[in-house]
Amino acid sequence: MTVRQVAQIARITDQFMTAATTGDTHGLLALLAPGATWIADSGGKVTAARRRLIEIFGGKITDLYAVRHPDKLATVAVPRRISR
């Protein structure tokens, strides 16, 4: 992942979190790609939906992953591309 891609992800994530925490529905929707999905994963170990991972394509958020599974969170600080 390039420095530019990391910067774009950080910017869009910051915009998303600001819109989500301030109730800016229009700003939030403007960041989402059509058909964006939300997936929560606790792995059955804890209650899900605490830490968010965001997948971005073409400057829009395509997928949101709420992860609380402790084994998966161990590497969350490492920027990487999410694939299926």
N, C-alpha and C. Protein backbone atom coordinates (compact mmCIF):
# COMPACT_ATOMS: atom_id res chain seq x y z
N MET A 1 0.85 -1.17 0.00
CA MET A 1 0.00 0.00 0.00
C MET A 1 0.90 1.24 0.00
N THR A 2 0.59 2.19 -0.86
CA THR A 2 1.42 3.38 -0.98
C THR A 2 1.09 4.40 0.13
N VAL A 3 1.97 5.35 0.31
CA VAL A 3 1.75 6.42 1.28
C VAL A 3 0.48 7.19 0.91
N ARG A 4 0.28 7.39 -0.39
CA ARG A 4 -0.91 8.12 -0.86
C ARG A 4 -2.19 7.36 -0.52
N GLN A 5 -2.18 6.04 -0.71
CA GLN A 5 -3.36 5.23 -0.38
C GLN A 5 -3.65 5.26 1.11
N VAL A 6 -2.61 5.15 1.92
CA VAL A 6 -2.77 5.21 3.38
C VAL A 6 -3.35 6.56 3.78
N ALA A 7 -2.87 7.64 3.18
CA ALA A 7 -3.38 8.97 3.48
C ALA A 7 -4.85 9.10 3.09
N GLN A 8 -5.23 8.54 1.93
CA GLN A 8 -6.62 8.59 1.49
C GLN A 8 -7.52 7.82 2.46
N ILE A 9 -7.08 6.65 2.87
CA ILE A 9 -7.86 5.85 3.82
C ILE A 9 -8.02 6.60 5.13
N ALA A 10 -6.95 7.21 5.62
CA ALA A 10 -7.02 7.97 6.87
C ALA A 10 -7.98 9.15 6.74
N ARG A 11 -7.92 9.85 5.61
CA ARG A 11 -8.80 11.02 5.40
C ARG A 11 -10.26 10.59 5.35
N ILE A 12 -10.56 9.57 4.57
CA ILE A 12 -11.95 9.13 4.42
C ILE A 12 -12.47 8.54 5.73
N THR A 13 -11.61 7.80 6.45
CA THR A 13 -12.02 7.25 7.74
C THR A 13 -12.33 8.37 8.72
N ASP A 14 -11.49 9.40 8.74
CA ASP A 14 -11.72 10.54 9.62
C ASP A 14 -13.04 11.25 9.26
N GLN A 15 -13.29 11.45 7.97
CA GLN A 15 -14.54 12.07 7.53
C GLN A 15 -15.74 11.22 7.94
N PHE A 16 -15.61 9.89 7.80
CA PHE A 16 -16.69 8.98 8.17
C PHE A 16 -16.97 9.07 9.67
N MET A 17 -15.93 9.00 10.48
CA MET A 17 -16.11 9.04 11.93
C MET A 17 -16.69 10.38 12.38
N THR A 18 -16.26 11.47 11.76
CA THR A 18 -16.81 12.79 12.09
C THR A 18 -18.28 12.86 11.74
N ALA A 19 -18.64 12.41 10.54
CA ALA A 19 -20.04 12.42 10.12
C ALA A 19 -20.89 11.52 11.01
N ALA A 20 -20.37 10.35 11.36
CA ALA A 20 -21.12 9.40 12.18
C ALA A 20 -21.33 9.92 13.60
N THR A 21 -20.34 10.56 14.17
CA THR A 21 -20.44 11.01 15.56
C THR A 21 -21.16 12.35 15.71
N THR A 22 -21.31 13.10 14.61
CA THR A 22 -22.00 14.39 14.70
C THR A 22 -23.42 14.34 14.14
N GLY A 23 -23.81 13.17 13.62
CA GLY A 23 -25.15 13.04 13.07
C GLY A 23 -25.31 13.61 11.67
N ASP A 24 -24.21 13.79 10.96
CA ASP A 24 -24.24 14.34 9.61
C ASP A 24 -24.61 13.23 8.61
N THR A 25 -25.90 12.95 8.49
CA THR A 25 -26.39 11.87 7.63
C THR A 25 -26.00 12.08 6.18
N HIS A 26 -26.14 13.30 5.68
CA HIS A 26 -25.81 13.58 4.28
C HIS A 26 -24.31 13.37 4.02
N GLY A 27 -23.48 13.84 4.94
CA GLY A 27 -22.04 13.64 4.81
C GLY A 27 -21.67 12.17 4.87
N LEU A 28 -22.33 11.43 5.74
CA LEU A 28 -22.08 10.00 5.87
C LEU A 28 -22.46 9.25 4.60
N LEU A 29 -23.64 9.53 4.09
CA LEU A 29 -24.10 8.86 2.88
C LEU A 29 -23.24 9.21 1.66
N ALA A 30 -22.70 10.42 1.64
CA ALA A 30 -21.85 10.84 0.52
C ALA A 30 -20.55 10.03 0.48
N LEU A 31 -20.14 9.48 1.61
CA LEU A 31 -18.91 8.69 1.67
C LEU A 31 -19.11 7.24 1.29
N LEU A 32 -20.36 6.77 1.29
CA LEU A 32 -20.64 5.36 1.02
C LEU A 32 -20.89 5.09 -0.45
N ALA A 33 -20.30 4.03 -0.95
CA ALA A 33 -20.55 3.57 -2.32
C ALA A 33 -21.94 2.94 -2.36
N PRO A 34 -22.61 2.96 -3.51
CA PRO A 34 -23.89 2.26 -3.62
C PRO A 34 -23.68 0.78 -3.27
N GLY A 35 -24.55 0.24 -2.47
CA GLY A 35 -24.46 -1.16 -2.08
C GLY A 35 -23.41 -1.46 -1.03
N ALA A 36 -22.93 -0.43 -0.32
CA ALA A 36 -21.94 -0.66 0.74
C ALA A 36 -22.52 -1.62 1.78
N THR A 37 -21.65 -2.45 2.36
CA THR A 37 -22.10 -3.44 3.34
C THR A 37 -21.45 -3.22 4.70
N TRP A 38 -22.12 -3.72 5.74
CA TRP A 38 -21.63 -3.68 7.12
C TRP A 38 -21.56 -5.10 7.62
N ILE A 39 -20.42 -5.52 8.13
CA ILE A 39 -20.25 -6.87 8.66
C ILE A 39 -19.65 -6.76 10.06
N ALA A 40 -20.27 -7.45 11.04
CA ALA A 40 -19.76 -7.46 12.41
C ALA A 40 -19.21 -8.85 12.71
N ASP A 41 -18.07 -8.91 13.41
CA ASP A 41 -17.43 -10.19 13.71
C ASP A 41 -16.89 -10.18 15.14
N SER A 42 -17.44 -11.04 15.96
CA SER A 42 -16.91 -11.20 17.31
C SER A 42 -16.28 -12.57 17.50
N GLY A 43 -16.48 -13.43 16.52
CA GLY A 43 -15.96 -14.78 16.62
C GLY A 43 -16.56 -15.57 17.76
N GLY A 44 -17.68 -15.06 18.31
CA GLY A 44 -18.32 -15.74 19.42
C GLY A 44 -17.60 -15.56 20.74
N LYS A 45 -16.51 -14.80 20.74
CA LYS A 45 -15.73 -14.62 21.96
C LYS A 45 -16.18 -13.40 22.77
N VAL A 46 -16.68 -12.38 22.07
CA VAL A 46 -17.11 -11.13 22.71
C VAL A 46 -18.29 -10.56 21.94
N THR A 47 -18.92 -9.52 22.47
CA THR A 47 -19.97 -8.84 21.75
C THR A 47 -19.36 -8.08 20.58
N ALA A 48 -19.96 -8.17 19.40
CA ALA A 48 -19.39 -7.57 18.18
C ALA A 48 -19.63 -6.06 18.12
N ALA A 49 -19.09 -5.45 17.09
CA ALA A 49 -19.31 -4.06 16.70
C ALA A 49 -18.65 -3.04 17.62
N ARG A 50 -17.36 -3.18 17.85
CA ARG A 50 -16.62 -2.19 18.62
C ARG A 50 -15.53 -1.49 17.81
N ARG A 51 -14.77 -2.21 17.01
CA ARG A 51 -13.67 -1.63 16.24
C ARG A 51 -14.00 -1.72 14.76
N ARG A 52 -13.89 -0.64 14.02
CA ARG A 52 -14.29 -0.63 12.62
C ARG A 52 -13.09 -0.70 11.69
N LEU A 53 -13.23 -1.48 10.64
CA LEU A 53 -12.27 -1.51 9.55
C LEU A 53 -13.04 -1.10 8.31
N ILE A 54 -12.47 -0.25 7.50
CA ILE A 54 -13.19 0.28 6.35
C ILE A 54 -12.45 -0.08 5.07
N GLU A 55 -13.20 -0.56 4.09
CA GLU A 55 -12.65 -0.85 2.76
C GLU A 55 -13.10 0.24 1.81
N ILE A 56 -12.14 0.80 1.06
CA ILE A 56 -12.43 1.94 0.18
C ILE A 56 -12.04 1.58 -1.25
N PHE A 57 -12.90 1.95 -2.19
CA PHE A 57 -12.60 1.76 -3.61
C PHE A 57 -13.12 2.99 -4.34
N GLY A 58 -12.29 3.59 -5.16
CA GLY A 58 -12.70 4.77 -5.92
C GLY A 58 -13.09 5.95 -5.06
N GLY A 59 -12.46 6.07 -3.88
CA GLY A 59 -12.75 7.18 -3.00
C GLY A 59 -14.05 7.04 -2.21
N LYS A 60 -14.70 5.89 -2.29
CA LYS A 60 -15.95 5.65 -1.55
C LYS A 60 -15.79 4.43 -0.66
N ILE A 61 -16.48 4.43 0.46
CA ILE A 61 -16.47 3.29 1.37
C ILE A 61 -17.37 2.21 0.78
N THR A 62 -16.79 1.04 0.56
CA THR A 62 -17.56 -0.07 -0.01
C THR A 62 -17.98 -1.08 1.05
N ASP A 63 -17.16 -1.24 2.08
CA ASP A 63 -17.46 -2.21 3.13
C ASP A 63 -16.98 -1.70 4.47
N LEU A 64 -17.76 -1.98 5.50
CA LEU A 64 -17.41 -1.66 6.87
C LEU A 64 -17.37 -2.96 7.65
N TYR A 65 -16.29 -3.18 8.38
CA TYR A 65 -16.15 -4.38 9.18
C TYR A 65 -16.01 -3.96 10.65
N ALA A 66 -16.94 -4.35 11.48
CA ALA A 66 -16.86 -4.08 12.91
C ALA A 66 -16.28 -5.33 13.55
N VAL A 67 -15.05 -5.22 14.04
CA VAL A 67 -14.34 -6.39 14.54
C VAL A 67 -14.02 -6.22 16.03
N ARG A 68 -14.34 -7.25 16.80
CA ARG A 68 -13.95 -7.28 18.21
C ARG A 68 -13.29 -8.58 18.58
N HIS A 69 -13.15 -9.47 17.63
CA HIS A 69 -12.51 -10.75 17.87
C HIS A 69 -11.06 -10.46 18.27
N PRO A 70 -10.65 -10.81 19.48
CA PRO A 70 -9.32 -10.42 19.97
C PRO A 70 -8.16 -10.90 19.10
N ASP A 71 -8.28 -12.09 18.52
CA ASP A 71 -7.21 -12.60 17.67
C ASP A 71 -7.04 -11.76 16.41
N LYS A 72 -8.14 -11.26 15.87
CA LYS A 72 -8.09 -10.45 14.65
C LYS A 72 -7.64 -9.02 14.94
N LEU A 73 -7.92 -8.52 16.13
CA LEU A 73 -7.53 -7.15 16.48
C LEU A 73 -6.04 -7.02 16.75
N ALA A 74 -5.35 -8.12 16.94
CA ALA A 74 -3.92 -8.07 17.25
C ALA A 74 -3.12 -7.38 16.17
N THR A 75 -3.59 -7.41 14.91
CA THR A 75 -2.85 -6.80 13.80
C THR A 75 -3.58 -5.63 13.17
N VAL A 76 -4.57 -5.07 13.85
CA VAL A 76 -5.40 -4.03 13.23
C VAL A 76 -4.62 -2.74 12.94
N ALA A 77 -3.54 -2.49 13.63
CA ALA A 77 -2.78 -1.26 13.41
C ALA A 77 -1.92 -1.32 12.15
N VAL A 78 -1.83 -2.47 11.51
CA VAL A 78 -1.03 -2.64 10.31
C VAL A 78 -1.91 -2.37 9.09
N PRO A 79 -1.62 -1.30 8.29
CA PRO A 79 -2.43 -1.03 7.09
C PRO A 79 -2.31 -2.19 6.12
N ARG A 80 -3.44 -2.64 5.61
CA ARG A 80 -3.44 -3.73 4.63
C ARG A 80 -4.72 -3.70 3.83
N ARG A 81 -4.68 -4.35 2.68
CA ARG A 81 -5.82 -4.44 1.80
C ARG A 81 -6.68 -5.61 2.25
N ILE A 82 -7.97 -5.39 2.37
CA ILE A 82 -8.91 -6.44 2.77
C ILE A 82 -9.46 -7.08 1.50
N SER A 83 -9.45 -8.39 1.46
CA SER A 83 -10.00 -9.08 0.30
C SER A 83 -10.85 -10.24 0.77
N ARG A 84 -11.68 -10.71 -0.14
CA ARG A 84 -12.57 -11.83 0.19
C ARG A 84 -12.09 -13.10 -0.42
